[in-house]
Protein backbone atom coordinates (compact mmCIF):
# COMPACT_ATOMS: atom_id res chain seq x y z
CA MET A 1 -68.40 16.19 4.80
CA ASP A 2 -70.02 14.06 2.10
CA ARG A 3 -72.72 11.47 2.77
CA PRO A 4 -70.48 8.37 2.44
CA THR A 5 -68.07 9.84 5.01
CA MET A 6 -70.98 10.72 7.29
CA ALA A 7 -72.32 7.17 7.00
CA SER A 8 -68.88 5.79 7.83
CA VAL A 9 -68.59 7.97 10.93
CA PHE A 10 -72.11 6.99 11.97
CA ARG A 11 -71.25 3.29 11.75
CA MET A 12 -68.37 3.94 14.15
CA ARG A 13 -70.60 5.75 16.70
CA HIS A 14 -69.74 3.27 19.46
CA ALA A 15 -65.99 3.79 19.09
CA PRO A 16 -64.23 5.55 21.98
CA ALA A 17 -63.76 9.31 21.60
CA THR A 18 -62.61 12.38 23.48
CA VAL A 19 -63.81 15.98 23.34
CA SER A 20 -61.49 18.95 23.81
CA GLY A 21 -61.58 22.68 23.16
CA VAL A 22 -64.88 23.35 24.94
CA ARG A 23 -65.08 26.68 26.76
CA SER A 24 -67.53 27.83 29.41
CA THR A 25 -69.70 30.81 28.48
CA GLY A 26 -70.33 31.75 32.11
CA GLN A 27 -68.29 34.58 33.55
CA GLY A 28 -65.72 33.34 36.04
CA GLN A 29 -66.44 29.68 35.37
CA ALA A 30 -63.66 27.22 34.65
CA ASP A 31 -63.58 25.48 31.31
CA PRO A 32 -65.25 22.07 31.61
CA ILE A 33 -63.66 18.68 31.25
CA ILE A 34 -65.98 16.69 29.04
CA ARG A 35 -66.14 12.97 29.65
CA VAL A 36 -67.84 10.88 27.00
CA ARG A 37 -67.56 7.16 26.35
CA SER A 38 -68.28 7.02 22.63
CA LEU A 39 -68.23 8.99 19.41
CA GLY A 40 -72.05 9.06 19.47
CA GLU A 41 -72.06 10.70 22.91
CA ALA A 42 -69.44 13.20 21.78
CA ILE A 43 -71.51 14.17 18.72
CA ARG A 44 -74.64 14.57 20.84
CA PHE A 45 -72.82 16.70 23.40
CA VAL A 46 -71.36 19.06 20.81
CA ALA A 47 -74.61 19.33 18.87
CA ASN A 48 -76.48 20.34 22.03
CA ALA A 49 -73.78 22.40 23.79
CA PHE A 50 -75.03 25.88 22.83
CA PRO A 51 -75.72 28.19 24.76
CA ASN A 52 -73.94 26.75 27.80
CA TYR A 53 -70.60 26.23 26.08
CA ASP A 54 -68.47 27.86 23.40
CA ILE A 55 -67.63 25.09 20.94
CA SER A 56 -65.90 27.21 18.29
CA ALA A 57 -62.59 25.43 19.00
CA VAL A 58 -63.99 21.97 19.77
CA ALA A 59 -62.26 18.85 18.53
CA ILE A 60 -63.73 15.37 18.72
CA SER A 61 -60.94 12.84 18.53
CA PRO A 62 -62.14 9.31 17.82
CA GLY A 63 -60.11 6.44 19.20
CA ASP A 64 -60.02 4.92 15.70
CA PRO A 65 -57.36 6.58 13.50
CA SER A 66 -59.41 5.85 10.37
CA ILE A 67 -62.00 8.42 11.52
CA PRO A 68 -60.94 12.04 11.02
CA ARG A 69 -60.94 14.54 13.87
CA LEU A 70 -64.29 16.35 13.89
CA GLY A 71 -65.06 19.99 14.63
CA SER A 72 -68.32 21.68 15.57
CA LEU A 73 -69.56 22.06 11.99
CA GLU A 74 -69.08 18.35 11.26
CA ALA A 75 -70.72 17.37 14.55
CA LYS A 76 -73.74 19.56 13.85
CA ALA A 77 -74.06 18.23 10.29
CA LEU A 78 -73.87 14.65 11.56
CA TRP A 79 -76.49 15.37 14.22
CA ARG A 80 -78.83 16.91 11.61
CA GLU A 81 -78.42 13.84 9.42
CA TYR A 82 -78.80 11.13 12.07
CA GLY A 83 -80.27 12.88 15.12
CA GLU A 84 -81.03 10.74 18.13
CA HIS A 85 -79.84 7.61 16.31
CA TRP A 86 -76.35 8.53 17.58
CA THR A 87 -77.19 7.19 21.01
CA ARG A 88 -79.35 4.18 20.09
CA GLU A 89 -78.17 0.67 19.30
């Protein structure tokens, strides 16, 4: 993901989003249902999910069709670039 795309996604951090594909790493535990309100919360969750969750198949689906679906690598790169700014105004 290039910097202009990252900046575009960051500007949309308050847009609604959903997270799917998260797996529990605990033996015998059910896979979690992740509830987030915004793209920023989804990015923060995925970036901080290890070691409690397996995010190898994660997909962050923004409510805005102009934003591409994001996987764990994109979420981690975005978190490295913008850090805690994801959850601030």
